[in-house]
């Protein structure tokens, strides 16, 4: 009924400055089912029209 994800992204991927403020954020997963059964898509935040639905993303808050 649930899945857990823990991850780390080094701040260096954002360039010289640490990210600040609040960003829209989502985590998704595509999983191929058995042959002929298609794909299953999961998303952390409820979306209305697909993975590009940034208006409904969750929030990622960078604290100093």
PDB file of N, CA and C in Angstrom:
ATOM      1  N   UNK A   1       0.806  -1.203   0.000  1.00  0.00           N
ATOM      2  CA  UNK A   1       0.000   0.000   0.000  1.00  0.00           C
ATOM      3  C   UNK A   1       0.847   1.265   0.000  1.00  0.00           C
ATOM      4  N   UNK A   2       2.152   1.115   0.082  1.00  0.00           N
ATOM      5  CA  UNK A   2       3.010   2.295   0.129  1.00  0.00           C
ATOM      6  C   UNK A   2       4.413   1.928  -0.316  1.00  0.00           C
ATOM      7  N   UNK A   3       5.195   2.936  -0.632  1.00  0.00           N
ATOM      8  CA  UNK A   3       6.607   2.735  -0.896  1.00  0.00           C
ATOM      9  C   UNK A   3       7.365   3.911  -0.339  1.00  0.00           C
ATOM     10  N   UNK A   4       8.621   3.678  -0.012  1.00  0.00           N
ATOM     11  CA  UNK A   4       9.461   4.689   0.611  1.00  0.00           C
ATOM     12  C   UNK A   4      10.677   4.934  -0.254  1.00  0.00           C
ATOM     13  N   UNK A   5      11.087   6.186  -0.312  1.00  0.00           N
ATOM     14  CA  UNK A   5      12.265   6.563  -1.084  1.00  0.00           C
ATOM     15  C   UNK A   5      13.109   7.512  -0.255  1.00  0.00           C
ATOM     16  N   UNK A   6      14.371   7.211  -0.152  1.00  0.00           N
ATOM     17  CA  UNK A   6      15.319   8.125   0.477  1.00  0.00           C
ATOM     18  C   UNK A   6      16.401   8.393  -0.549  1.00  0.00           C
ATOM     19  N   UNK A   7      16.728   9.671  -0.758  1.00  0.00           N
ATOM     20  CA  UNK A   7      17.730  10.001  -1.757  1.00  0.00           C
ATOM     21  C   UNK A   7      18.524  11.227  -1.328  1.00  0.00           C
ATOM     22  N   UNK A   8      19.663  11.383  -1.950  1.00  0.00           N
ATOM     23  CA  UNK A   8      20.513  12.552  -1.687  1.00  0.00           C
ATOM     24  C   UNK A   8      20.977  13.109  -3.022  1.00  0.00           C
ATOM     25  N   UNK A   9      20.884  14.414  -3.159  1.00  0.00           N
ATOM     26  CA  UNK A   9      21.382  15.103  -4.345  1.00  0.00           C
ATOM     27  C   UNK A   9      22.417  16.109  -3.863  1.00  0.00           C
ATOM     28  N   UNK A  10      23.658  15.996  -4.312  1.00  0.00           N
ATOM     29  CA  UNK A  10      24.663  16.966  -3.866  1.00  0.00           C
ATOM     30  C   UNK A  10      24.325  18.371  -4.377  1.00  0.00           C
ATOM     31  N   UNK A  11      24.462  19.360  -3.512  1.00  0.00           N
ATOM     32  CA  UNK A  11      24.176  20.736  -3.912  1.00  0.00           C
ATOM     33  C   UNK A  11      25.029  21.173  -5.101  1.00  0.00           C
ATOM     34  N   UNK A  12      26.166  20.536  -5.314  1.00  0.00           N
ATOM     35  CA  UNK A  12      27.051  20.944  -6.421  1.00  0.00           C
ATOM     36  C   UNK A  12      26.385  20.794  -7.787  1.00  0.00           C
ATOM     37  N   UNK A  13      25.365  19.945  -7.919  1.00  0.00           N
ATOM     38  CA  UNK A  13      24.697  19.813  -9.214  1.00  0.00           C
ATOM     39  C   UNK A  13      23.919  21.077  -9.582  1.00  0.00           C
ATOM     40  N   UNK A  14      23.675  21.935  -8.615  1.00  0.00           N
ATOM     41  CA  UNK A  14      22.962  23.175  -8.871  1.00  0.00           C
ATOM     42  C   UNK A  14      23.899  24.343  -9.195  1.00  0.00           C
ATOM     43  N   UNK A  15      25.187  24.082  -9.244  1.00  0.00           N
ATOM     44  CA  UNK A  15      26.143  25.145  -9.515  1.00  0.00           C
ATOM     45  C   UNK A  15      26.834  25.586  -8.244  1.00  0.00           C
ATOM     46  N   UNK A  16      27.286  26.824  -8.260  1.00  0.00           N
ATOM     47  CA  UNK A  16      28.076  27.343  -7.137  1.00  0.00           C
ATOM     48  C   UNK A  16      27.248  27.717  -5.913  1.00  0.00           C
ATOM     49  N   UNK A  17      25.973  28.021  -6.108  1.00  0.00           N
ATOM     50  CA  UNK A  17      25.157  28.475  -4.984  1.00  0.00           C
ATOM     51  C   UNK A  17      24.209  27.381  -4.523  1.00  0.00           C
ATOM     52  N   UNK A  18      23.942  27.345  -3.230  1.00  0.00           N
ATOM     53  CA  UNK A  18      22.973  26.401  -2.698  1.00  0.00           C
ATOM     54  C   UNK A  18      21.569  26.837  -3.118  1.00  0.00           C
ATOM     55  N   UNK A  19      20.700  25.886  -3.440  1.00  0.00           N
ATOM     56  CA  UNK A  19      19.326  26.262  -3.781  1.00  0.00           C
ATOM     57  C   UNK A  19      18.628  26.864  -2.566  1.00  0.00           C
ATOM     58  N   UNK A  20      17.705  27.770  -2.819  1.00  0.00           N
ATOM     59  CA  UNK A  20      16.965  28.435  -1.749  1.00  0.00           C
ATOM     60  C   UNK A  20      15.487  28.477  -2.103  1.00  0.00           C
ATOM     61  N   UNK A  21      14.679  28.795  -1.104  1.00  0.00           N
ATOM     62  CA  UNK A  21      13.253  28.996  -1.331  1.00  0.00           C
ATOM     63  C   UNK A  21      12.474  27.697  -1.420  1.00  0.00           C
ATOM     64  N   UNK A  22      11.350  27.778  -2.110  1.00  0.00           N
ATOM     65  CA  UNK A  22      10.447  26.650  -2.267  1.00  0.00           C
ATOM     66  C   UNK A  22      10.343  26.297  -3.746  1.00  0.00           C
ATOM     67  N   UNK A  23      10.521  25.045  -4.050  1.00  0.00           N
ATOM     68  CA  UNK A  23      10.417  24.553  -5.429  1.00  0.00           C
ATOM     69  C   UNK A  23       9.241  23.608  -5.535  1.00  0.00           C
ATOM     70  N   UNK A  24       8.611  23.570  -6.707  1.00  0.00           N
ATOM     71  CA  UNK A  24       7.644  22.520  -7.003  1.00  0.00           C
ATOM     72  C   UNK A  24       8.420  21.216  -7.146  1.00  0.00           C
ATOM     73  N   UNK A  25       7.876  20.112  -6.637  1.00  0.00           N
ATOM     74  CA  UNK A  25       8.625  18.862  -6.619  1.00  0.00           C
ATOM     75  C   UNK A  25       7.675  17.678  -6.691  1.00  0.00           C
ATOM     76  N   UNK A  26       8.088  16.653  -7.425  1.00  0.00           N
ATOM     77  CA  UNK A  26       7.323  15.419  -7.479  1.00  0.00           C
ATOM     78  C   UNK A  26       8.264  14.250  -7.723  1.00  0.00           C
ATOM     79  N   UNK A  27       7.847  13.086  -7.311  1.00  0.00           N
ATOM     80  CA  UNK A  27       8.589  11.849  -7.545  1.00  0.00           C
ATOM     81  C   UNK A  27       7.626  10.890  -8.237  1.00  0.00           C
ATOM     82  N   UNK A  28       8.095  10.261  -9.307  1.00  0.00           N
ATOM     83  CA  UNK A  28       7.235   9.342 -10.049  1.00  0.00           C
ATOM     84  C   UNK A  28       7.945   8.020 -10.277  1.00  0.00           C
ATOM     85  N   UNK A  29       7.170   7.031 -10.662  1.00  0.00           N
ATOM     86  CA  UNK A  29       7.741   5.722 -10.960  1.00  0.00           C
ATOM     87  C   UNK A  29       6.930   5.082 -12.081  1.00  0.00           C
ATOM     88  N   UNK A  30       7.631   4.541 -13.072  1.00  0.00           N
ATOM     89  CA  UNK A  30       7.018   3.733 -14.124  1.00  0.00           C
ATOM     90  C   UNK A  30       7.452   2.305 -13.883  1.00  0.00           C
ATOM     91  N   UNK A  31       6.525   1.379 -13.931  1.00  0.00           N
ATOM     92  CA  UNK A  31       6.881  -0.027 -13.712  1.00  0.00           C
ATOM     93  C   UNK A  31       6.196  -0.883 -14.772  1.00  0.00           C
ATOM     94  N   UNK A  32       7.027  -1.616 -15.508  1.00  0.00           N
ATOM     95  CA  UNK A  32       6.470  -2.526 -16.502  1.00  0.00           C
ATOM     96  C   UNK A  32       5.913  -3.759 -15.797  1.00  0.00           C
ATOM     97  N   UNK A  33       4.675  -4.089 -16.106  1.00  0.00           N
ATOM     98  CA  UNK A  33       4.040  -5.265 -15.528  1.00  0.00           C
ATOM     99  C   UNK A  33       4.382  -6.498 -16.372  1.00  0.00           C
ATOM    100  N   UNK A  34       3.782  -7.593 -16.094  1.00  0.00           N
ATOM    101  CA  UNK A  34       4.026  -8.801 -16.888  1.00  0.00           C
ATOM    102  C   UNK A  34       3.728  -8.534 -18.359  1.00  0.00           C
ATOM    103  N   UNK A  35       4.365  -9.288 -19.201  1.00  0.00           N
ATOM    104  CA  UNK A  35       4.183  -9.125 -20.636  1.00  0.00           C
ATOM    105  C   UNK A  35       2.689  -9.113 -20.983  1.00  0.00           C
ATOM    106  N   UNK A  36       2.295  -8.086 -21.720  1.00  0.00           N
ATOM    107  CA  UNK A  36       0.905  -7.945 -22.129  1.00  0.00           C
ATOM    108  C   UNK A  36       0.022  -7.196 -21.150  1.00  0.00           C
ATOM    109  N   UNK A  37       0.532  -6.929 -19.935  1.00  0.00           N
ATOM    110  CA  UNK A  37      -0.276  -6.231 -18.932  1.00  0.00           C
ATOM    111  C   UNK A  37      -0.011  -4.732 -18.888  1.00  0.00           C
ATOM    112  N   UNK A  38       0.939  -4.254 -19.698  1.00  0.00           N
ATOM    113  CA  UNK A  38       1.176  -2.816 -19.787  1.00  0.00           C
ATOM    114  C   UNK A  38       2.095  -2.266 -18.703  1.00  0.00           C
ATOM    115  N   UNK A  39       1.825  -0.993 -18.345  1.00  0.00           N
ATOM    116  CA  UNK A  39       2.650  -0.258 -17.391  1.00  0.00           C
ATOM    117  C   UNK A  39       1.787   0.186 -16.218  1.00  0.00           C
ATOM    118  N   UNK A  40       2.451   0.418 -15.099  1.00  0.00           N
ATOM    119  CA  UNK A  40       1.804   1.035 -13.950  1.00  0.00           C
ATOM    120  C   UNK A  40       2.592   2.289 -13.609  1.00  0.00           C
ATOM    121  N   UNK A  41       1.877   3.393 -13.414  1.00  0.00           N
ATOM    122  CA  UNK A  41       2.509   4.662 -13.085  1.00  0.00           C
ATOM    123  C   UNK A  41       2.093   5.070 -11.672  1.00  0.00           C
ATOM    124  N   UNK A  42       3.056   5.485 -10.873  1.00  0.00           N
ATOM    125  CA  UNK A  42       2.798   5.957  -9.517  1.00  0.00           C
ATOM    126  C   UNK A  42       3.390   7.352  -9.376  1.00  0.00           C
ATOM    127  N   UNK A  43       2.770   8.163  -8.555  1.00  0.00           N
ATOM    128  CA  UNK A  43       3.261   9.516  -8.323  1.00  0.00           C
ATOM    129  C   UNK A  43       3.023   9.904  -6.868  1.00  0.00           C
ATOM    130  N   UNK A  44       3.966  10.674  -6.324  1.00  0.00           N
ATOM    131  CA  UNK A  44       3.893  11.084  -4.919  1.00  0.00           C
ATOM    132  C   UNK A  44       2.708  12.016  -4.680  1.00  0.00           C
ATOM    133  N   UNK A  45       2.517  12.977  -5.554  1.00  0.00           N
ATOM    134  CA  UNK A  45       1.407  13.915  -5.396  1.00  0.00           C
ATOM    135  C   UNK A  45       0.302  13.580  -6.390  1.00  0.00           C
ATOM    136  N   UNK A  46      -0.951  13.771  -6.029  1.00  0.00           N
ATOM    137  CA  UNK A  46      -2.044  13.503  -6.967  1.00  0.00           C
ATOM    138  C   UNK A  46      -1.980  14.492  -8.135  1.00  0.00           C
ATOM    139  N   UNK A  47      -1.938  13.974  -9.335  1.00  0.00           N
ATOM    140  CA  UNK A  47      -1.878  14.816 -10.534  1.00  0.00           C
ATOM    141  C   UNK A  47      -3.153  14.631 -11.347  1.00  0.00           C
ATOM    142  N   UNK A  48      -3.535  15.680 -12.085  1.00  0.00           N
ATOM    143  CA  UNK A  48      -4.767  15.616 -12.870  1.00  0.00           C
ATOM    144  C   UNK A  48      -4.545  15.134 -14.298  1.00  0.00           C
ATOM    145  N   UNK A  49      -3.414  15.492 -14.911  1.00  0.00           N
ATOM    146  CA  UNK A  49      -3.273  15.175 -16.334  1.00  0.00           C
ATOM    147  C   UNK A  49      -1.878  14.683 -16.724  1.00  0.00           C
ATOM    148  N   UNK A  50      -1.190  14.014 -15.847  1.00  0.00           N
ATOM    149  CA  UNK A  50       0.089  13.422 -16.218  1.00  0.00           C
ATOM    150  C   UNK A  50       1.258  13.961 -15.408  1.00  0.00           C
ATOM    151  N   UNK A  51       2.419  13.368 -15.655  1.00  0.00           N
ATOM    152  CA  UNK A  51       3.618  13.718 -14.899  1.00  0.00           C
ATOM    153  C   UNK A  51       4.055  15.172 -15.100  1.00  0.00           C
ATOM    154  N   UNK A  52       3.574  15.849 -16.119  1.00  0.00           N
ATOM    155  CA  UNK A  52       3.965  17.237 -16.374  1.00  0.00           C
ATOM    156  C   UNK A  52       3.056  18.244 -15.663  1.00  0.00           C
ATOM    157  N   UNK A  53       2.154  17.780 -14.843  1.00  0.00           N
ATOM    158  CA  UNK A  53       1.166  18.631 -14.175  1.00  0.00           C
ATOM    159  C   UNK A  53       1.793  19.393 -13.004  1.00  0.00           C
ATOM    160  N   UNK A  54       2.711  20.285 -13.320  1.00  0.00           N
ATOM    161  CA  UNK A  54       3.496  21.004 -12.305  1.00  0.00           C
ATOM    162  C   UNK A  54       2.630  21.818 -11.345  1.00  0.00           C
ATOM    163  N   UNK A  55       1.478  22.232 -11.768  1.00  0.00           N
ATOM    164  CA  UNK A  55       0.596  23.016 -10.903  1.00  0.00           C
ATOM    165  C   UNK A  55       0.212  22.241  -9.636  1.00  0.00           C
ATOM    166  N   UNK A  56       0.206  20.926  -9.722  1.00  0.00           N
ATOM    167  CA  UNK A  56      -0.195  20.097  -8.576  1.00  0.00           C
ATOM    168  C   UNK A  56       0.971  19.387  -7.894  1.00  0.00           C
ATOM    169  N   UNK A  57       2.195  19.783  -8.210  1.00  0.00           N
ATOM    170  CA  UNK A  57       3.359  19.192  -7.550  1.00  0.00           C
ATOM    171  C   UNK A  57       3.344  19.525  -6.061  1.00  0.00           C
ATOM    172  N   UNK A  58       4.050  18.716  -5.286  1.00  0.00           N
ATOM    173  CA  UNK A  58       4.269  19.019  -3.880  1.00  0.00           C
ATOM    174  C   UNK A  58       5.328  20.119  -3.754  1.00  0.00           C
ATOM    175  N   UNK A  59       5.724  20.410  -2.561  1.00  0.00           N
ATOM    176  CA  UNK A  59       6.709  21.472  -2.308  1.00  0.00           C
ATOM    177  C   UNK A  59       7.994  20.906  -1.727  1.00  0.00           C
ATOM    178  N   UNK A  60       9.094  21.361  -2.243  1.00  0.00           N
ATOM    179  CA  UNK A  60      10.421  21.044  -1.715  1.00  0.00           C
ATOM    180  C   UNK A  60      10.964  22.348  -1.153  1.00  0.00           C
ATOM    181  N   UNK A  61      11.177  22.387   0.158  1.00  0.00           N
ATOM    182  CA  UNK A  61      11.571  23.624   0.838  1.00  0.00           C
ATOM    183  C   UNK A  61      13.025  23.521   1.267  1.00  0.00           C
ATOM    184  N   UNK A  62      13.831  24.464   0.811  1.00  0.00           N
ATOM    185  CA  UNK A  62      15.243  24.550   1.200  1.00  0.00           C
ATOM    186  C   UNK A  62      15.378  25.494   2.378  1.00  0.00           C
ATOM    187  N   UNK A  63      15.872  24.984   3.484  1.00  0.00           N
ATOM    188  CA  UNK A  63      16.053  25.819   4.673  1.00  0.00           C
ATOM    189  C   UNK A  63      17.525  26.160   4.807  1.00  0.00           C
ATOM    190  N   UNK A  64      17.829  27.391   5.258  1.00  0.00           N
ATOM    191  CA  UNK A  64      19.243  27.786   5.392  1.00  0.00           C
ATOM    192  C   UNK A  64      19.962  27.008   6.485  1.00  0.00           C
TER     193      UNK A  64
END
